[in-house]
């Protein structure tokens, strides 16, 4: 799963990026609304973690613009604004979830897992190719009935291949998606 962190607090952005990477996600970070919007339009992110109070263009505007451009990435608003009216505005602007700072990193991970579970109804969390089955929610791969333990990067590469079965993936596409060597 590829995640974009849009957070103006560089320390917070770095901590989020490192934490997400440790859990097997490919995570990029940008520090203002304009860069966040441009990045989200240029790269097919699975999830965007979007701060509300950003320099230039605020997170609500970015979220609305991404939805107007038919960007389907999940969006979690991350902000210090905890009023009910702010939460409603965030969700109405197109966010899938809203998390108030300060927060526990484990709660963010749980919300990410919840968004992935919501895809269950679409059947997108289980990918099949021949006798190979990948459960992206449980992060498990099996061939026939035998589970195959994979390191984080190998799992990410296999998932990218399985999600793009009819596309010739170039070396740069793979490295940009899995390692972010852009």
C-alpha atoms as a PDB file:
ATOM      1  CA  UNK A   1       0.000   0.000   0.000  1.00  0.00           C
ATOM      2  CA  UNK A   2       1.344   3.414  -0.971  1.00  0.00           C
ATOM      3  CA  UNK A   3       0.604   6.294   1.414  1.00  0.00           C
ATOM      4  CA  UNK A   4       1.068  10.053   1.064  1.00  0.00           C
ATOM      5  CA  UNK A   5       1.541  12.073   4.257  1.00  0.00           C
ATOM      6  CA  UNK A   6       0.679  15.775   3.862  1.00  0.00           C
ATOM      7  CA  UNK A   7       1.794  17.456   7.090  1.00  0.00           C
ATOM      8  CA  UNK A   8       3.464  20.840   7.580  1.00  0.00           C
ATOM      9  CA  UNK A   9       5.163  19.810  10.855  1.00  0.00           C
ATOM     10  CA  UNK A  10       8.273  18.168   9.419  1.00  0.00           C
ATOM     11  CA  UNK A  11       9.010  16.249  12.625  1.00  0.00           C
ATOM     12  CA  UNK A  12       5.479  14.787  12.670  1.00  0.00           C
ATOM     13  CA  UNK A  13       5.658  13.989   8.939  1.00  0.00           C
ATOM     14  CA  UNK A  14       8.992  12.197   9.392  1.00  0.00           C
ATOM     15  CA  UNK A  15       7.696  10.199  12.359  1.00  0.00           C
ATOM     16  CA  UNK A  16       4.587   9.156  10.422  1.00  0.00           C
ATOM     17  CA  UNK A  17       6.615   8.245   7.352  1.00  0.00           C
ATOM     18  CA  UNK A  18       9.083   6.140   9.375  1.00  0.00           C
ATOM     19  CA  UNK A  19       6.358   4.426  11.375  1.00  0.00           C
ATOM     20  CA  UNK A  20       4.345   3.553   8.281  1.00  0.00           C
ATOM     21  CA  UNK A  21       7.460   2.263   6.533  1.00  0.00           C
ATOM     22  CA  UNK A  22       8.249   0.025   9.515  1.00  0.00           C
ATOM     23  CA  UNK A  23       4.809  -1.546   9.095  1.00  0.00           C
ATOM     24  CA  UNK A  24       5.445  -2.336   5.440  1.00  0.00           C
ATOM     25  CA  UNK A  25       3.848   0.644   3.726  1.00  0.00           C
ATOM     26  CA  UNK A  26       5.564   2.766   1.077  1.00  0.00           C
ATOM     27  CA  UNK A  27       5.172   6.292   2.447  1.00  0.00           C
ATOM     28  CA  UNK A  28       5.980   9.685   0.929  1.00  0.00           C
ATOM     29  CA  UNK A  29       5.754  13.030   2.710  1.00  0.00           C
ATOM     30  CA  UNK A  30       5.131  16.592   1.552  1.00  0.00           C
ATOM     31  CA  UNK A  31       4.763  19.686   3.705  1.00  0.00           C
ATOM     32  CA  UNK A  32       2.101  21.965   2.205  1.00  0.00           C
ATOM     33  CA  UNK A  33      -1.291  21.765   0.547  1.00  0.00           C
ATOM     34  CA  UNK A  34      -0.210  22.537  -2.998  1.00  0.00           C
ATOM     35  CA  UNK A  35       2.497  19.860  -3.007  1.00  0.00           C
ATOM     36  CA  UNK A  36       0.049  17.412  -1.451  1.00  0.00           C
ATOM     37  CA  UNK A  37      -2.531  18.046  -4.142  1.00  0.00           C
ATOM     38  CA  UNK A  38       0.041  17.820  -6.939  1.00  0.00           C
ATOM     39  CA  UNK A  39       1.516  14.586  -5.553  1.00  0.00           C
ATOM     40  CA  UNK A  40      -1.915  12.989  -5.093  1.00  0.00           C
ATOM     41  CA  UNK A  41      -2.820  13.822  -8.692  1.00  0.00           C
ATOM     42  CA  UNK A  42       0.494  12.552 -10.071  1.00  0.00           C
ATOM     43  CA  UNK A  43       0.837   9.252  -8.174  1.00  0.00           C
ATOM     44  CA  UNK A  44      -1.900   6.676  -7.511  1.00  0.00           C
ATOM     45  CA  UNK A  45      -1.785   6.598  -3.692  1.00  0.00           C
ATOM     46  CA  UNK A  46      -3.941   4.103  -1.837  1.00  0.00           C
ATOM     47  CA  UNK A  47      -4.228   6.414   1.176  1.00  0.00           C
ATOM     48  CA  UNK A  48      -3.578  10.077   1.922  1.00  0.00           C
ATOM     49  CA  UNK A  49      -3.032  11.262   5.482  1.00  0.00           C
ATOM     50  CA  UNK A  50      -3.932  14.926   5.242  1.00  0.00           C
ATOM     51  CA  UNK A  51      -3.398  17.617   7.860  1.00  0.00           C
ATOM     52  CA  UNK A  52      -6.108  20.284   7.867  1.00  0.00           C
ATOM     53  CA  UNK A  53      -4.043  23.320   8.827  1.00  0.00           C
ATOM     54  CA  UNK A  54      -1.485  23.564   6.029  1.00  0.00           C
ATOM     55  CA  UNK A  55       0.363  26.545   4.579  1.00  0.00           C
ATOM     56  CA  UNK A  56      -0.993  27.798   1.262  1.00  0.00           C
ATOM     57  CA  UNK A  57      -3.991  25.601   0.593  1.00  0.00           C
ATOM     58  CA  UNK A  58      -5.609  24.026   3.658  1.00  0.00           C
ATOM     59  CA  UNK A  59      -6.443  20.334   3.915  1.00  0.00           C
ATOM     60  CA  UNK A  60     -10.183  20.838   3.449  1.00  0.00           C
ATOM     61  CA  UNK A  61      -9.592  22.599   0.112  1.00  0.00           C
ATOM     62  CA  UNK A  62      -7.109  19.936  -0.974  1.00  0.00           C
ATOM     63  CA  UNK A  63      -9.556  17.162  -0.071  1.00  0.00           C
ATOM     64  CA  UNK A  64     -12.431  18.800  -1.981  1.00  0.00           C
ATOM     65  CA  UNK A  65     -10.230  19.360  -5.025  1.00  0.00           C
ATOM     66  CA  UNK A  66      -9.013  15.751  -5.035  1.00  0.00           C
ATOM     67  CA  UNK A  67     -12.582  14.466  -4.868  1.00  0.00           C
ATOM     68  CA  UNK A  68     -13.637  16.890  -7.631  1.00  0.00           C
ATOM     69  CA  UNK A  69     -10.830  15.421  -9.768  1.00  0.00           C
ATOM     70  CA  UNK A  70     -12.179  11.924  -9.037  1.00  0.00           C
ATOM     71  CA  UNK A  71      -9.139  10.850  -6.995  1.00  0.00           C
ATOM     72  CA  UNK A  72     -10.280   7.620  -5.305  1.00  0.00           C
ATOM     73  CA  UNK A  73      -7.530   7.390  -2.655  1.00  0.00           C
ATOM     74  CA  UNK A  74      -8.724   6.938   0.907  1.00  0.00           C
ATOM     75  CA  UNK A  75      -8.213  10.147   2.892  1.00  0.00           C
ATOM     76  CA  UNK A  76      -7.711  10.409   6.633  1.00  0.00           C
ATOM     77  CA  UNK A  77      -7.814  13.976   7.963  1.00  0.00           C
ATOM     78  CA  UNK A  78      -5.296  14.533  10.733  1.00  0.00           C
ATOM     79  CA  UNK A  79      -5.712  17.696  12.755  1.00  0.00           C
ATOM     80  CA  UNK A  80      -5.717  19.473  16.086  1.00  0.00           C
ATOM     81  CA  UNK A  81      -9.248  20.762  15.428  1.00  0.00           C
ATOM     82  CA  UNK A  82     -11.550  18.648  17.557  1.00  0.00           C
ATOM     83  CA  UNK A  83     -14.877  20.507  17.356  1.00  0.00           C
ATOM     84  CA  UNK A  84     -17.770  18.477  15.987  1.00  0.00           C
ATOM     85  CA  UNK A  85     -18.352  21.121  13.307  1.00  0.00           C
ATOM     86  CA  UNK A  86     -14.734  20.713  12.098  1.00  0.00           C
ATOM     87  CA  UNK A  87     -15.099  16.931  11.966  1.00  0.00           C
ATOM     88  CA  UNK A  88     -18.305  17.277   9.956  1.00  0.00           C
ATOM     89  CA  UNK A  89     -16.627  19.713   7.540  1.00  0.00           C
ATOM     90  CA  UNK A  90     -13.709  17.331   7.089  1.00  0.00           C
ATOM     91  CA  UNK A  91     -15.904  14.344   6.356  1.00  0.00           C
ATOM     92  CA  UNK A  92     -18.211  16.385   4.120  1.00  0.00           C
ATOM     93  CA  UNK A  93     -15.205  17.654   2.154  1.00  0.00           C
ATOM     94  CA  UNK A  94     -14.563  14.059   1.101  1.00  0.00           C
ATOM     95  CA  UNK A  95     -12.426  12.519   3.855  1.00  0.00           C
ATOM     96  CA  UNK A  96     -13.027   8.894   4.777  1.00  0.00           C
ATOM     97  CA  UNK A  97     -11.953   9.386   8.382  1.00  0.00           C
ATOM     98  CA  UNK A  98     -10.920  12.140  10.796  1.00  0.00           C
ATOM     99  CA  UNK A  99      -8.303  11.735  13.534  1.00  0.00           C
ATOM    100  CA  UNK A 100      -7.632  14.398  16.159  1.00  0.00           C
ATOM    101  CA  UNK A 101      -4.090  15.212  17.357  1.00  0.00           C
ATOM    102  CA  UNK A 102      -2.564  14.137  19.615  1.00  0.00           C
ATOM    103  CA  UNK A 103      -3.208  10.526  18.687  1.00  0.00           C
ATOM    104  CA  UNK A 104      -1.655   7.134  19.288  1.00  0.00           C
ATOM    105  CA  UNK A 105       0.122   5.691  16.254  1.00  0.00           C
ATOM    106  CA  UNK A 106      -1.618   2.368  16.942  1.00  0.00           C
ATOM    107  CA  UNK A 107      -4.969   4.134  16.515  1.00  0.00           C
ATOM    108  CA  UNK A 108      -3.880   5.466  13.114  1.00  0.00           C
ATOM    109  CA  UNK A 109      -2.867   1.937  12.084  1.00  0.00           C
ATOM    110  CA  UNK A 110      -6.242   0.623  13.281  1.00  0.00           C
ATOM    111  CA  UNK A 111      -8.047   3.254  11.199  1.00  0.00           C
ATOM    112  CA  UNK A 112      -5.962   2.274   8.157  1.00  0.00           C
ATOM    113  CA  UNK A 113      -6.919  -1.368   8.718  1.00  0.00           C
ATOM    114  CA  UNK A 114     -10.569  -0.321   9.058  1.00  0.00           C
ATOM    115  CA  UNK A 115     -10.425   1.440   5.681  1.00  0.00           C
ATOM    116  CA  UNK A 116      -8.935  -1.711   4.170  1.00  0.00           C
ATOM    117  CA  UNK A 117     -11.725  -3.800   5.708  1.00  0.00           C
ATOM    118  CA  UNK A 118     -14.290  -1.535   4.066  1.00  0.00           C
ATOM    119  CA  UNK A 119     -12.855  -2.633   0.744  1.00  0.00           C
ATOM    120  CA  UNK A 120     -13.815  -6.189   1.735  1.00  0.00           C
ATOM    121  CA  UNK A 121     -17.318  -5.640   0.417  1.00  0.00           C
ATOM    122  CA  UNK A 122     -15.786  -4.861  -2.975  1.00  0.00           C
ATOM    123  CA  UNK A 123     -13.654  -7.988  -2.787  1.00  0.00           C
ATOM    124  CA  UNK A 124     -10.510  -5.945  -3.366  1.00  0.00           C
ATOM    125  CA  UNK A 125      -8.680  -7.219  -0.289  1.00  0.00           C
ATOM    126  CA  UNK A 126      -8.242 -10.707  -1.790  1.00  0.00           C
ATOM    127  CA  UNK A 127      -6.261 -10.915  -5.002  1.00  0.00           C
ATOM    128  CA  UNK A 128      -5.934 -14.143  -6.972  1.00  0.00           C
ATOM    129  CA  UNK A 129      -3.577 -15.157  -9.738  1.00  0.00           C
ATOM    130  CA  UNK A 130      -3.677 -18.808 -10.701  1.00  0.00           C
ATOM    131  CA  UNK A 131      -3.192 -20.831  -7.516  1.00  0.00           C
ATOM    132  CA  UNK A 132      -1.726 -17.841  -5.654  1.00  0.00           C
ATOM    133  CA  UNK A 133      -3.978 -15.943  -3.225  1.00  0.00           C
ATOM    134  CA  UNK A 134      -3.076 -12.715  -1.420  1.00  0.00           C
ATOM    135  CA  UNK A 135      -5.127 -11.371   1.478  1.00  0.00           C
ATOM    136  CA  UNK A 136      -4.085  -7.714   1.654  1.00  0.00           C
ATOM    137  CA  UNK A 137      -5.948  -7.152   4.915  1.00  0.00           C
ATOM    138  CA  UNK A 138      -4.232  -9.993   6.772  1.00  0.00           C
ATOM    139  CA  UNK A 139      -1.047  -9.447   4.709  1.00  0.00           C
ATOM    140  CA  UNK A 140      -0.797 -13.172   3.952  1.00  0.00           C
ATOM    141  CA  UNK A 141       0.018 -15.050   0.761  1.00  0.00           C
ATOM    142  CA  UNK A 142      -0.741 -18.667   0.042  1.00  0.00           C
ATOM    143  CA  UNK A 143      -0.230 -21.026  -2.870  1.00  0.00           C
ATOM    144  CA  UNK A 144      -2.998 -23.602  -2.920  1.00  0.00           C
ATOM    145  CA  UNK A 145      -3.384 -24.171   0.857  1.00  0.00           C
ATOM    146  CA  UNK A 146       0.204 -23.427   1.911  1.00  0.00           C
ATOM    147  CA  UNK A 147       1.032 -20.030   3.400  1.00  0.00           C
ATOM    148  CA  UNK A 148       4.184 -18.379   2.094  1.00  0.00           C
ATOM    149  CA  UNK A 149       6.030 -16.096   4.527  1.00  0.00           C
ATOM    150  CA  UNK A 150       7.391 -13.052   2.701  1.00  0.00           C
ATOM    151  CA  UNK A 151       9.586 -10.173   3.882  1.00  0.00           C
ATOM    152  CA  UNK A 152       7.944  -6.746   3.724  1.00  0.00           C
ATOM    153  CA  UNK A 153       9.470  -5.596   0.418  1.00  0.00           C
ATOM    154  CA  UNK A 154       8.892  -8.909  -1.341  1.00  0.00           C
ATOM    155  CA  UNK A 155       5.257  -8.785  -0.234  1.00  0.00           C
ATOM    156  CA  UNK A 156       4.953  -5.210  -1.572  1.00  0.00           C
ATOM    157  CA  UNK A 157       6.457  -6.216  -4.928  1.00  0.00           C
ATOM    158  CA  UNK A 158       4.182  -9.232  -5.261  1.00  0.00           C
ATOM    159  CA  UNK A 159       1.131  -7.148  -4.345  1.00  0.00           C
ATOM    160  CA  UNK A 160       2.053  -4.550  -6.977  1.00  0.00           C
ATOM    161  CA  UNK A 161       2.391  -7.262  -9.630  1.00  0.00           C
ATOM    162  CA  UNK A 162      -0.877  -8.915  -8.632  1.00  0.00           C
ATOM    163  CA  UNK A 163      -2.803  -5.624  -8.635  1.00  0.00           C
ATOM    164  CA  UNK A 164      -1.534  -4.842 -12.146  1.00  0.00           C
ATOM    165  CA  UNK A 165      -1.822  -8.151 -14.009  1.00  0.00           C
ATOM    166  CA  UNK A 166      -2.313  -6.718 -17.492  1.00  0.00           C
ATOM    167  CA  UNK A 167       0.314  -3.993 -17.315  1.00  0.00           C
ATOM    168  CA  UNK A 168       3.973  -4.254 -18.210  1.00  0.00           C
ATOM    169  CA  UNK A 169       5.635  -2.789 -15.125  1.00  0.00           C
ATOM    170  CA  UNK A 170       8.937  -1.079 -15.717  1.00  0.00           C
ATOM    171  CA  UNK A 171      11.807  -1.129 -13.268  1.00  0.00           C
ATOM    172  CA  UNK A 172      11.207   2.539 -12.469  1.00  0.00           C
ATOM    173  CA  UNK A 173       7.479   1.935 -11.871  1.00  0.00           C
ATOM    174  CA  UNK A 174       8.284  -0.853  -9.402  1.00  0.00           C
ATOM    175  CA  UNK A 175      11.013   1.069  -7.619  1.00  0.00           C
ATOM    176  CA  UNK A 176       8.849   4.189  -7.378  1.00  0.00           C
ATOM    177  CA  UNK A 177       5.934   2.212  -5.972  1.00  0.00           C
ATOM    178  CA  UNK A 178       7.806  -0.043  -3.565  1.00  0.00           C
ATOM    179  CA  UNK A 179      10.903   1.954  -2.618  1.00  0.00           C
ATOM    180  CA  UNK A 180      10.037   5.457  -3.776  1.00  0.00           C
ATOM    181  CA  UNK A 181      13.256   5.966  -5.753  1.00  0.00           C
ATOM    182  CA  UNK A 182      11.665   8.852  -7.637  1.00  0.00           C
END
